[in-house]
Amino acid sequence: MAEWAFEVGLEGGTWQWPADRDVYLLIDGARVKQLARRLYEWSFESGLEADLLYAGTPLSEVSEISPWLIALPGACHPVLQAFLVQGLHDEWGYLLESQASLEDLGGYLRKLLQVRHPSGIAMWLRLADPAVIDALLPDQSSPAVAPWGPIEALVRPDGVTTSWIRSTPGVADTEALSSVPKDGIQLNDRQLCRLQACDKRRDIRNLMSFVDAHCSHWSLPQNLAERYGYLEILTDTARRYGFSTPRQWGLLCTLFTRVQSMTWSSFEKNASTIYACLTVTSDAPPDERLKRALALSSTYSETT
């Protein structure tokens, strides 16, 4: 695995545009609003070779949020330039290296949209999310287990560490997966855990955005990776008290801001009555405890 900072540029680290394979960009239509229109605006003068990934699948009815696979003839392509300027921190998508054609690679990625839970239940993946593809195809994972197929490398942005990460398949100790079943690969327990961690990561990143917008007086670490780690610890503790939804976490952050606390222990020290209201789980359901704590905190903030 190779890693280098956003600030040095896509080709400023150890990675250079490959001469022996093609480069593609997969962009998440759920993350980029009106993606189809924007793609055509960006590429109006240069032309666009692209594949709508949900086309021809059961997800075609929601094609407005479909990922798009873009063939990149070079680093100056306007779609790539728009992605580099606007989409790195928000993790709009990622680059793929492959010798496959646009049609063949798009067809292969469609087969990865659906997987099966270890119990056999079908699951749809948000395949253009960089964290999801990293969970499905970890660096140096064996092609006998992970469905790398024609993908020879991934180059993805990490908005938490603000860095590029390039990952590649390992050497298969047994025969590589020859095909993907029509109903998707069946995940093993490790693969499922990695994919579930993506949901948690997405929730914490959304919480970071909420905090930036609504908790500006809360003295969180300026470094994004440290801030992410802090909120991860806070929400892990919150789960123990029954607070398990992003909405509840946002309200908790509002409370922490009001009582000027950085940790659960300092919260207890600064506002013991509100702390008890939140953490005595036998008193009421989580939402009711939050409602009471918010009412108490409005009085607290006026008198401190």
C-alpha atoms as a PDB file:
ATOM      1  CA  MET A   1       0.000   0.000   0.000  1.00  0.00           C
ATOM      2  CA  ALA A   2       1.215   3.490  -0.846  1.00  0.00           C
ATOM      3  CA  GLU A   3      -0.085   6.659   0.819  1.00  0.00           C
ATOM      4  CA  TRP A   4       0.591  10.343   0.165  1.00  0.00           C
ATOM      5  CA  ALA A   5      -0.995  13.648   1.178  1.00  0.00           C
ATOM      6  CA  PHE A   6      -3.654  15.458  -0.850  1.00  0.00           C
ATOM      7  CA  GLU A   7      -1.542  18.586  -0.728  1.00  0.00           C
ATOM      8  CA  VAL A   8       1.211  17.107  -2.930  1.00  0.00           C
ATOM      9  CA  GLY A   9      -1.267  16.256  -5.690  1.00  0.00           C
ATOM     10  CA  LEU A  10      -2.458  13.070  -7.359  1.00  0.00           C
ATOM     11  CA  GLU A  11       0.899  12.460  -9.028  1.00  0.00           C
ATOM     12  CA  GLY A  12       3.010  14.172  -6.383  1.00  0.00           C
ATOM     13  CA  GLY A  13       3.569  11.066  -4.284  1.00  0.00           C
ATOM     14  CA  THR A  14       4.670   7.613  -5.344  1.00  0.00           C
ATOM     15  CA  TRP A  15       1.980   7.187  -8.021  1.00  0.00           C
ATOM     16  CA  GLN A  16       2.317   8.176 -11.656  1.00  0.00           C
ATOM     17  CA  TRP A  17      -0.186   7.799 -14.485  1.00  0.00           C
ATOM     18  CA  PRO A  18       0.367   4.228 -15.767  1.00  0.00           C
ATOM     19  CA  ALA A  19       1.544   3.669 -19.326  1.00  0.00           C
ATOM     20  CA  ASP A  20       0.561   0.000 -19.550  1.00  0.00           C
ATOM     21  CA  ARG A  21      -3.080   0.143 -18.406  1.00  0.00           C
ATOM     22  CA  ASP A  22      -6.098   2.429 -18.473  1.00  0.00           C
ATOM     23  CA  VAL A  23      -7.361   4.642 -15.661  1.00  0.00           C
ATOM     24  CA  TYR A  24     -11.031   4.998 -14.796  1.00  0.00           C
ATOM     25  CA  LEU A  25     -12.921   7.145 -12.304  1.00  0.00           C
ATOM     26  CA  LEU A  26     -15.961   5.810 -10.462  1.00  0.00           C
ATOM     27  CA  ILE A  27     -18.104   8.647  -9.043  1.00  0.00           C
ATOM     28  CA  ASP A  28     -20.895   8.202  -6.511  1.00  0.00           C
ATOM     29  CA  GLY A  29     -24.213   9.563  -7.772  1.00  0.00           C
ATOM     30  CA  ALA A  30     -25.655   9.414  -4.270  1.00  0.00           C
ATOM     31  CA  ARG A  31     -22.957  11.787  -3.036  1.00  0.00           C
ATOM     32  CA  VAL A  32     -22.853  14.167  -6.028  1.00  0.00           C
ATOM     33  CA  LYS A  33     -26.224  15.737  -6.722  1.00  0.00           C
ATOM     34  CA  GLN A  34     -27.370  15.853 -10.370  1.00  0.00           C
ATOM     35  CA  LEU A  35     -24.252  13.951 -11.345  1.00  0.00           C
ATOM     36  CA  ALA A  36     -25.326  13.182 -14.928  1.00  0.00           C
ATOM     37  CA  ARG A  37     -25.887  16.858 -15.716  1.00  0.00           C
ATOM     38  CA  ARG A  38     -22.619  17.883 -14.093  1.00  0.00           C
ATOM     39  CA  LEU A  39     -20.636  15.234 -15.972  1.00  0.00           C
ATOM     40  CA  TYR A  40     -21.870  16.504 -19.307  1.00  0.00           C
ATOM     41  CA  GLU A  41     -21.239  20.113 -18.300  1.00  0.00           C
ATOM     42  CA  TRP A  42     -17.681  19.324 -17.221  1.00  0.00           C
ATOM     43  CA  SER A  43     -16.920  17.353 -20.398  1.00  0.00           C
ATOM     44  CA  PHE A  44     -18.882  19.467 -22.895  1.00  0.00           C
ATOM     45  CA  GLU A  45     -15.824  20.367 -24.973  1.00  0.00           C
ATOM     46  CA  SER A  46     -13.730  17.234 -24.455  1.00  0.00           C
ATOM     47  CA  GLY A  47     -16.310  14.477 -24.860  1.00  0.00           C
ATOM     48  CA  LEU A  48     -17.220  11.758 -22.396  1.00  0.00           C
ATOM     49  CA  GLU A  49     -16.835   7.983 -22.383  1.00  0.00           C
ATOM     50  CA  ALA A  50     -18.915   6.766 -19.476  1.00  0.00           C
ATOM     51  CA  ASP A  51     -21.064   3.926 -18.197  1.00  0.00           C
ATOM     52  CA  LEU A  52     -24.102   4.321 -15.929  1.00  0.00           C
ATOM     53  CA  LEU A  53     -23.578   1.471 -13.476  1.00  0.00           C
ATOM     54  CA  TYR A  54     -27.219   0.925 -12.471  1.00  0.00           C
ATOM     55  CA  ALA A  55     -28.349   0.585 -16.103  1.00  0.00           C
ATOM     56  CA  GLY A  56     -29.705  -2.887 -16.796  1.00  0.00           C
ATOM     57  CA  THR A  57     -29.902  -3.803 -13.096  1.00  0.00           C
ATOM     58  CA  PRO A  58     -32.806  -3.889 -10.599  1.00  0.00           C
ATOM     59  CA  LEU A  59     -31.536  -0.482  -9.417  1.00  0.00           C
ATOM     60  CA  SER A  60     -32.218   1.190 -12.779  1.00  0.00           C
ATOM     61  CA  GLU A  61     -35.315   2.883 -11.337  1.00  0.00           C
ATOM     62  CA  VAL A  62     -33.046   4.960  -9.086  1.00  0.00           C
ATOM     63  CA  SER A  63     -30.534   5.783 -11.805  1.00  0.00           C
ATOM     64  CA  GLU A  64     -30.348   9.404 -10.619  1.00  0.00           C
ATOM     65  CA  ILE A  65     -28.125   8.190  -7.747  1.00  0.00           C
ATOM     66  CA  SER A  66     -26.230   5.632  -9.819  1.00  0.00           C
ATOM     67  CA  PRO A  67     -22.435   5.619  -9.872  1.00  0.00           C
ATOM     68  CA  TRP A  68     -20.846   6.566 -13.189  1.00  0.00           C
ATOM     69  CA  LEU A  69     -17.691   4.907 -14.519  1.00  0.00           C
ATOM     70  CA  ILE A  70     -15.619   7.392 -16.523  1.00  0.00           C
ATOM     71  CA  ALA A  71     -12.783   6.470 -18.911  1.00  0.00           C
ATOM     72  CA  LEU A  72      -9.905   8.925 -18.418  1.00  0.00           C
ATOM     73  CA  PRO A  73      -7.585   9.424 -21.403  1.00  0.00           C
ATOM     74  CA  GLY A  74      -5.205  11.455 -19.243  1.00  0.00           C
ATOM     75  CA  ALA A  75      -4.714  13.475 -16.077  1.00  0.00           C
ATOM     76  CA  CYS A  76      -6.002  16.677 -17.695  1.00  0.00           C
ATOM     77  CA  HIS A  77      -9.501  15.342 -18.377  1.00  0.00           C
ATOM     78  CA  PRO A  78     -11.997  17.952 -17.093  1.00  0.00           C
ATOM     79  CA  VAL A  79     -14.072  15.414 -15.145  1.00  0.00           C
ATOM     80  CA  LEU A  80     -10.976  14.294 -13.247  1.00  0.00           C
ATOM     81  CA  GLN A  81      -9.986  17.907 -12.650  1.00  0.00           C
ATOM     82  CA  ALA A  82     -13.444  18.678 -11.210  1.00  0.00           C
ATOM     83  CA  PHE A  83     -13.143  15.617  -8.979  1.00  0.00           C
ATOM     84  CA  LEU A  84      -9.701  16.708  -7.743  1.00  0.00           C
ATOM     85  CA  VAL A  85     -10.859  20.240  -6.963  1.00  0.00           C
ATOM     86  CA  GLN A  86     -14.279  19.514  -5.459  1.00  0.00           C
ATOM     87  CA  GLY A  87     -14.530  15.868  -4.472  1.00  0.00           C
ATOM     88  CA  LEU A  88     -11.522  14.678  -2.479  1.00  0.00           C
ATOM     89  CA  HIS A  89     -12.517  15.657   1.058  1.00  0.00           C
ATOM     90  CA  ASP A  90     -16.112  14.540   0.448  1.00  0.00           C
ATOM     91  CA  GLU A  91     -14.881  11.257  -1.084  1.00  0.00           C
ATOM     92  CA  TRP A  92     -16.907  11.435  -4.287  1.00  0.00           C
ATOM     93  CA  GLY A  93     -15.313   8.262  -5.656  1.00  0.00           C
ATOM     94  CA  TYR A  94     -11.982   6.725  -6.634  1.00  0.00           C
ATOM     95  CA  LEU A  95      -9.688   5.721  -9.477  1.00  0.00           C
ATOM     96  CA  LEU A  96      -9.261   2.219 -10.871  1.00  0.00           C
ATOM     97  CA  GLU A  97      -6.384   0.869 -12.951  1.00  0.00           C
ATOM     98  CA  SER A  98      -7.260  -1.869 -15.427  1.00  0.00           C
ATOM     99  CA  GLN A  99      -6.438  -3.243 -18.858  1.00  0.00           C
ATOM    100  CA  ALA A 100     -10.135  -4.005 -19.394  1.00  0.00           C
ATOM    101  CA  SER A 101     -12.289  -1.890 -21.703  1.00  0.00           C
ATOM    102  CA  LEU A 102     -14.881   0.522 -20.298  1.00  0.00           C
ATOM    103  CA  GLU A 103     -17.647  -1.902 -21.272  1.00  0.00           C
ATOM    104  CA  ASP A 104     -15.964  -4.923 -19.673  1.00  0.00           C
ATOM    105  CA  LEU A 105     -14.987  -3.126 -16.471  1.00  0.00           C
ATOM    106  CA  GLY A 106     -18.456  -1.618 -16.132  1.00  0.00           C
ATOM    107  CA  GLY A 107     -20.003  -5.052 -16.600  1.00  0.00           C
ATOM    108  CA  TYR A 108     -17.755  -6.502 -13.937  1.00  0.00           C
ATOM    109  CA  LEU A 109     -18.524  -3.735 -11.429  1.00  0.00           C
ATOM    110  CA  ARG A 110     -22.251  -4.316 -11.955  1.00  0.00           C
ATOM    111  CA  LYS A 111     -21.721  -7.871 -10.701  1.00  0.00           C
ATOM    112  CA  LEU A 112     -20.243  -6.471  -7.476  1.00  0.00           C
ATOM    113  CA  LEU A 113     -23.235  -4.241  -6.725  1.00  0.00           C
ATOM    114  CA  GLN A 114     -25.045  -7.137  -5.058  1.00  0.00           C
ATOM    115  CA  VAL A 115     -23.468  -9.451  -2.505  1.00  0.00           C
ATOM    116  CA  ARG A 116     -24.871 -12.015  -0.112  1.00  0.00           C
ATOM    117  CA  HIS A 117     -24.741 -11.894   3.651  1.00  0.00           C
ATOM    118  CA  PRO A 118     -23.086 -14.958   5.245  1.00  0.00           C
ATOM    119  CA  SER A 119     -26.648 -16.105   5.968  1.00  0.00           C
ATOM    120  CA  GLY A 120     -27.483 -15.911   2.248  1.00  0.00           C
ATOM    121  CA  ILE A 121     -29.566 -12.709   2.274  1.00  0.00           C
ATOM    122  CA  ALA A 122     -28.966 -10.377  -0.691  1.00  0.00           C
ATOM    123  CA  MET A 123     -27.351  -6.997   0.041  1.00  0.00           C
ATOM    124  CA  TRP A 124     -26.734  -4.014  -2.242  1.00  0.00           C
ATOM    125  CA  LEU A 125     -23.425  -2.190  -1.908  1.00  0.00           C
ATOM    126  CA  ARG A 126     -22.737   1.506  -2.336  1.00  0.00           C
ATOM    127  CA  LEU A 127     -19.865   0.508  -4.569  1.00  0.00           C
ATOM    128  CA  ALA A 128     -18.587   4.002  -5.426  1.00  0.00           C
ATOM    129  CA  ASP A 129     -17.872   4.783  -1.766  1.00  0.00           C
ATOM    130  CA  PRO A 130     -14.062   4.573  -1.368  1.00  0.00           C
ATOM    131  CA  ALA A 131     -14.437   2.993   2.077  1.00  0.00           C
ATOM    132  CA  VAL A 132     -16.754   0.290   0.711  1.00  0.00           C
ATOM    133  CA  ILE A 133     -14.417  -0.745  -2.098  1.00  0.00           C
ATOM    134  CA  ASP A 134     -11.533  -0.821   0.394  1.00  0.00           C
ATOM    135  CA  ALA A 135     -13.586  -3.116   2.638  1.00  0.00           C
ATOM    136  CA  LEU A 136     -14.411  -5.391  -0.294  1.00  0.00           C
ATOM    137  CA  LEU A 137     -10.916  -5.312  -1.838  1.00  0.00           C
ATOM    138  CA  PRO A 138      -8.364  -4.686   0.938  1.00  0.00           C
ATOM    139  CA  ASP A 139      -4.771  -4.021  -0.021  1.00  0.00           C
ATOM    140  CA  GLN A 140      -2.846  -7.224  -0.785  1.00  0.00           C
ATOM    141  CA  SER A 141      -5.949  -9.379  -0.341  1.00  0.00           C
ATOM    142  CA  SER A 142      -5.853 -12.639  -2.253  1.00  0.00           C
ATOM    143  CA  PRO A 143      -7.740 -12.672  -5.577  1.00  0.00           C
ATOM    144  CA  ALA A 144      -8.803 -16.180  -4.547  1.00  0.00           C
ATOM    145  CA  VAL A 145     -10.971 -14.585  -1.839  1.00  0.00           C
ATOM    146  CA  ALA A 146     -11.483 -10.931  -2.800  1.00  0.00           C
ATOM    147  CA  PRO A 147     -13.142 -10.294  -6.190  1.00  0.00           C
ATOM    148  CA  TRP A 148     -10.455  -8.130  -7.809  1.00  0.00           C
ATOM    149  CA  GLY A 149     -11.248  -9.480 -11.284  1.00  0.00           C
ATOM    150  CA  PRO A 150      -9.838  -7.084 -13.923  1.00  0.00           C
ATOM    151  CA  ILE A 151      -9.054  -4.382 -11.328  1.00  0.00           C
ATOM    152  CA  GLU A 152      -5.275  -4.097 -11.054  1.00  0.00           C
ATOM    153  CA  ALA A 153      -5.123  -1.246  -8.543  1.00  0.00           C
ATOM    154  CA  LEU A 154      -7.307   1.231  -6.660  1.00  0.00           C
ATOM    155  CA  VAL A 155      -6.329   4.834  -5.945  1.00  0.00           C
ATOM    156  CA  ARG A 156      -8.757   6.308  -3.462  1.00  0.00           C
ATOM    157  CA  PRO A 157      -9.040   9.508  -1.426  1.00  0.00           C
ATOM    158  CA  ASP A 158      -9.386   9.337   2.365  1.00  0.00           C
ATOM    159  CA  GLY A 159     -11.093  12.473   3.611  1.00  0.00           C
ATOM    160  CA  VAL A 160     -10.273  11.699   7.242  1.00  0.00           C
ATOM    161  CA  THR A 161      -6.509  11.387   6.837  1.00  0.00           C
ATOM    162  CA  THR A 162      -6.571  13.804   3.829  1.00  0.00           C
ATOM    163  CA  SER A 163      -4.434  11.434   1.823  1.00  0.00           C
ATOM    164  CA  TRP A 164      -4.419   9.288  -1.304  1.00  0.00           C
ATOM    165  CA  ILE A 165      -4.126   5.530  -0.805  1.00  0.00           C
ATOM    166  CA  ARG A 166      -3.188   3.055  -3.538  1.00  0.00           C
ATOM    167  CA  SER A 167      -3.972  -0.617  -2.981  1.00  0.00           C
ATOM    168  CA  THR A 168      -3.318  -3.669  -5.124  1.00  0.00           C
ATOM    169  CA  PRO A 169      -4.235  -7.362  -5.020  1.00  0.00           C
ATOM    170  CA  GLY A 170      -1.884  -9.844  -3.407  1.00  0.00           C
ATOM    171  CA  VAL A 171      -0.560 -12.977  -5.023  1.00  0.00           C
ATOM    172  CA  ALA A 172      -3.191 -15.713  -5.000  1.00  0.00           C
ATOM    173  CA  ASP A 173      -2.019 -18.855  -3.205  1.00  0.00           C
ATOM    174  CA  THR A 174      -4.858 -20.725  -4.929  1.00  0.00           C
ATOM    175  CA  GLU A 175      -6.744 -20.117  -8.164  1.00  0.00           C
ATOM    176  CA  ALA A 176      -8.252 -16.637  -8.413  1.00  0.00           C
ATOM    177  CA  LEU A 177     -12.015 -16.239  -8.471  1.00  0.00           C
ATOM    178  CA  SER A 178     -12.922 -17.007 -12.056  1.00  0.00           C
ATOM    179  CA  SER A 179     -16.357 -15.364 -12.028  1.00  0.00           C
ATOM    180  CA  VAL A 180     -18.889 -13.650  -9.817  1.00  0.00           C
ATOM    181  CA  PRO A 181     -22.141 -15.588  -9.267  1.00  0.00           C
ATOM    182  CA  LYS A 182     -25.274 -14.021 -10.728  1.00  0.00           C
ATOM    183  CA  ASP A 183     -26.665 -13.363  -7.244  1.00  0.00           C
ATOM    184  CA  GLY A 184     -23.344 -11.925  -6.007  1.00  0.00           C
ATOM    185  CA  ILE A 185     -20.444 -13.257  -3.994  1.00  0.00           C
ATOM    186  CA  GLN A 186     -21.212 -14.633  -0.542  1.00  0.00           C
ATOM    187  CA  LEU A 187     -19.417 -12.629   2.112  1.00  0.00           C
ATOM    188  CA  ASN A 188     -17.437 -14.260   4.852  1.00  0.00           C
ATOM    189  CA  ASP A 189     -17.610 -12.912   8.418  1.00  0.00           C
ATOM    190  CA  ARG A 190     -14.474 -10.768   8.048  1.00  0.00           C
ATOM    191  CA  GLN A 191     -15.762  -9.152   4.871  1.00  0.00           C
ATOM    192  CA  LEU A 192     -19.107  -8.451   6.524  1.00  0.00           C
ATOM    193  CA  CYS A 193     -17.420  -6.796   9.528  1.00  0.00           C
ATOM    194  CA  ARG A 194     -15.368  -4.559   7.250  1.00  0.00           C
ATOM    195  CA  LEU A 195     -18.464  -3.481   5.321  1.00  0.00           C
ATOM    196  CA  GLN A 196     -20.403  -2.799   8.528  1.00  0.00           C
ATOM    197  CA  ALA A 197     -17.528  -0.592   9.675  1.00  0.00           C
ATOM    198  CA  CYS A 198     -18.140   1.539   6.564  1.00  0.00           C
ATOM    199  CA  ASP A 199     -21.610   2.438   7.856  1.00  0.00           C
ATOM    200  CA  LYS A 200     -20.106   3.538  11.164  1.00  0.00           C
ATOM    201  CA  ARG A 201     -17.429   5.565   9.369  1.00  0.00           C
ATOM    202  CA  ARG A 202     -20.043   7.271   7.187  1.00  0.00           C
ATOM    203  CA  ASP A 203     -22.131   8.148  10.257  1.00  0.00           C
ATOM    204  CA  ILE A 204     -19.146   9.664  12.070  1.00  0.00           C
ATOM    205  CA  ARG A 205     -18.149  11.691   9.003  1.00  0.00           C
ATOM    206  CA  ASN A 206     -21.717  13.022   8.813  1.00  0.00           C
ATOM    207  CA  LEU A 207     -21.498  13.837  12.517  1.00  0.00           C
ATOM    208  CA  MET A 208     -18.279  15.767  11.837  1.00  0.00           C
ATOM    209  CA  SER A 209     -20.183  17.874   9.299  1.00  0.00           C
ATOM    210  CA  PHE A 210     -22.996  18.447  11.805  1.00  0.00           C
ATOM    211  CA  VAL A 211     -20.528  19.547  14.463  1.00  0.00           C
ATOM    212  CA  ASP A 212     -18.814  21.944  12.041  1.00  0.00           C
ATOM    213  CA  ALA A 213     -22.171  23.527  11.213  1.00  0.00           C
ATOM    214  CA  HIS A 214     -23.872  23.582  14.625  1.00  0.00           C
ATOM    215  CA  CYS A 215     -21.256  23.238  17.380  1.00  0.00           C
ATOM    216  CA  SER A 216     -18.745  25.902  16.402  1.00  0.00           C
ATOM    217  CA  HIS A 217     -17.980  26.797  20.040  1.00  0.00           C
ATOM    218  CA  TRP A 218     -17.011  23.231  20.929  1.00  0.00           C
ATOM    219  CA  SER A 219     -13.227  23.010  21.198  1.00  0.00           C
ATOM    220  CA  LEU A 220     -12.581  19.880  19.156  1.00  0.00           C
ATOM    221  CA  PRO A 221      -9.160  18.966  17.702  1.00  0.00           C
ATOM    222  CA  GLN A 222      -8.403  20.828  14.478  1.00  0.00           C
ATOM    223  CA  ASN A 223      -6.738  17.803  12.885  1.00  0.00           C
ATOM    224  CA  LEU A 224      -9.434  15.857  11.019  1.00  0.00           C
ATOM    225  CA  ALA A 225      -8.092  12.409  11.919  1.00  0.00           C
ATOM    226  CA  GLU A 226      -7.923  13.361  15.607  1.00  0.00           C
ATOM    227  CA  ARG A 227     -11.419  14.837  15.455  1.00  0.00           C
ATOM    228  CA  TYR A 228     -12.722  11.665  13.842  1.00  0.00           C
ATOM    229  CA  GLY A 229     -11.081   9.557  16.569  1.00  0.00           C
ATOM    230  CA  TYR A 230     -12.547  11.754  19.281  1.00  0.00           C
ATOM    231  CA  LEU A 231     -16.096  11.460  17.916  1.00  0.00           C
ATOM    232  CA  GLU A 232     -15.646   7.727  17.441  1.00  0.00           C
ATOM    233  CA  ILE A 233     -14.828   7.328  21.153  1.00  0.00           C
ATOM    234  CA  LEU A 234     -17.707   9.611  22.158  1.00  0.00           C
ATOM    235  CA  THR A 235     -20.255   7.674  20.080  1.00  0.00           C
ATOM    236  CA  ASP A 236     -18.927   4.287  21.214  1.00  0.00           C
ATOM    237  CA  THR A 237     -19.617   5.340  24.813  1.00  0.00           C
ATOM    238  CA  ALA A 238     -22.983   6.787  23.789  1.00  0.00           C
ATOM    239  CA  ARG A 239     -24.048   3.387  22.491  1.00  0.00           C
ATOM    240  CA  ARG A 240     -23.606   1.937  25.979  1.00  0.00           C
ATOM    241  CA  TYR A 241     -26.264   4.358  27.200  1.00  0.00           C
ATOM    242  CA  GLY A 242     -28.641   3.450  24.374  1.00  0.00           C
ATOM    243  CA  PHE A 243     -27.857   6.351  22.033  1.00  0.00           C
ATOM    244  CA  SER A 244     -27.276   4.591  18.718  1.00  0.00           C
ATOM    245  CA  THR A 245     -28.608   6.846  15.947  1.00  0.00           C
ATOM    246  CA  PRO A 246     -26.917   9.768  14.147  1.00  0.00           C
ATOM    247  CA  ARG A 247     -29.733  12.088  15.282  1.00  0.00           C
ATOM    248  CA  GLN A 248     -29.137  11.172  18.907  1.00  0.00           C
ATOM    249  CA  TRP A 249     -25.392  11.682  18.494  1.00  0.00           C
ATOM    250  CA  GLY A 250     -25.973  15.141  17.041  1.00  0.00           C
ATOM    251  CA  LEU A 251     -28.088  16.110  20.041  1.00  0.00           C
ATOM    252  CA  LEU A 252     -25.431  14.727  22.375  1.00  0.00           C
ATOM    253  CA  CYS A 253     -22.808  16.902  20.681  1.00  0.00           C
ATOM    254  CA  THR A 254     -25.103  19.882  21.204  1.00  0.00           C
ATOM    255  CA  LEU A 255     -25.251  19.009  24.906  1.00  0.00           C
ATOM    256  CA  PHE A 256     -21.477  18.605  25.167  1.00  0.00           C
ATOM    257  CA  THR A 257     -21.106  22.050  23.579  1.00  0.00           C
ATOM    258  CA  ARG A 258     -23.557  23.657  25.976  1.00  0.00           C
ATOM    259  CA  VAL A 259     -21.883  22.286  29.109  1.00  0.00           C
ATOM    260  CA  GLN A 260     -18.412  22.997  27.715  1.00  0.00           C
ATOM    261  CA  SER A 261     -17.180  19.411  28.067  1.00  0.00           C
ATOM    262  CA  MET A 262     -14.847  17.337  25.932  1.00  0.00           C
ATOM    263  CA  THR A 263     -15.265  13.922  27.567  1.00  0.00           C
ATOM    264  CA  TRP A 264     -17.959  11.990  29.378  1.00  0.00           C
ATOM    265  CA  SER A 265     -16.014  12.325  32.648  1.00  0.00           C
ATOM    266  CA  SER A 266     -15.718  16.110  32.304  1.00  0.00           C
ATOM    267  CA  PHE A 267     -19.423  16.218  31.429  1.00  0.00           C
ATOM    268  CA  GLU A 268     -20.202  14.488  34.731  1.00  0.00           C
ATOM    269  CA  LYS A 269     -17.972  16.947  36.583  1.00  0.00           C
ATOM    270  CA  ASN A 270     -19.366  20.067  34.881  1.00  0.00           C
ATOM    271  CA  ALA A 271     -23.055  19.124  34.819  1.00  0.00           C
ATOM    272  CA  SER A 272     -23.724  16.151  37.096  1.00  0.00           C
ATOM    273  CA  THR A 273     -27.528  16.529  37.037  1.00  0.00           C
ATOM    274  CA  ILE A 274     -27.674  16.522  33.224  1.00  0.00           C
ATOM    275  CA  TYR A 275     -25.155  13.679  33.107  1.00  0.00           C
ATOM    276  CA  ALA A 276     -27.336  11.562  35.399  1.00  0.00           C
ATOM    277  CA  CYS A 277     -30.385  12.375  33.303  1.00  0.00           C
ATOM    278  CA  LEU A 278     -28.578  11.023  30.250  1.00  0.00           C
ATOM    279  CA  THR A 279     -26.868   7.979  31.690  1.00  0.00           C
ATOM    280  CA  VAL A 280     -29.344   6.399  34.130  1.00  0.00           C
ATOM    281  CA  THR A 281     -30.812   4.085  31.538  1.00  0.00           C
ATOM    282  CA  SER A 282     -33.548   2.718  33.804  1.00  0.00           C
ATOM    283  CA  ASP A 283     -35.230   6.116  34.079  1.00  0.00           C
ATOM    284  CA  ALA A 284     -36.555   6.466  30.504  1.00  0.00           C
ATOM    285  CA  PRO A 285     -35.949   5.527  26.852  1.00  0.00           C
ATOM    286  CA  PRO A 286     -32.994   7.245  25.135  1.00  0.00           C
ATOM    287  CA  ASP A 287     -35.019   9.888  23.282  1.00  0.00           C
ATOM    288  CA  GLU A 288     -36.875  10.890  26.427  1.00  0.00           C
ATOM    289  CA  ARG A 289     -33.619  11.177  28.390  1.00  0.00           C
ATOM    290  CA  LEU A 290     -32.190  13.371  25.643  1.00  0.00           C
ATOM    291  CA  LYS A 291     -35.285  15.577  25.670  1.00  0.00           C
ATOM    292  CA  ARG A 292     -35.019  16.079  29.436  1.00  0.00           C
ATOM    293  CA  ALA A 293     -31.272  16.724  29.260  1.00  0.00           C
ATOM    294  CA  LEU A 294     -31.700  19.342  26.520  1.00  0.00           C
ATOM    295  CA  ALA A 295     -34.342  21.124  28.598  1.00  0.00           C
ATOM    296  CA  LEU A 296     -32.025  21.143  31.612  1.00  0.00           C
ATOM    297  CA  SER A 297     -29.065  22.291  29.513  1.00  0.00           C
ATOM    298  CA  SER A 298     -30.882  25.387  28.239  1.00  0.00           C
ATOM    299  CA  THR A 299     -31.217  26.532  31.853  1.00  0.00           C
ATOM    300  CA  TYR A 300     -27.626  25.489  32.550  1.00  0.00           C
ATOM    301  CA  SER A 301     -26.219  27.519  29.671  1.00  0.00           C
ATOM    302  CA  GLU A 302     -28.080  30.609  30.858  1.00  0.00           C
ATOM    303  CA  THR A 303     -26.633  30.391  34.397  1.00  0.00           C
ATOM    304  CA  THR A 304     -22.982  29.459  33.691  1.00  0.00           C
END
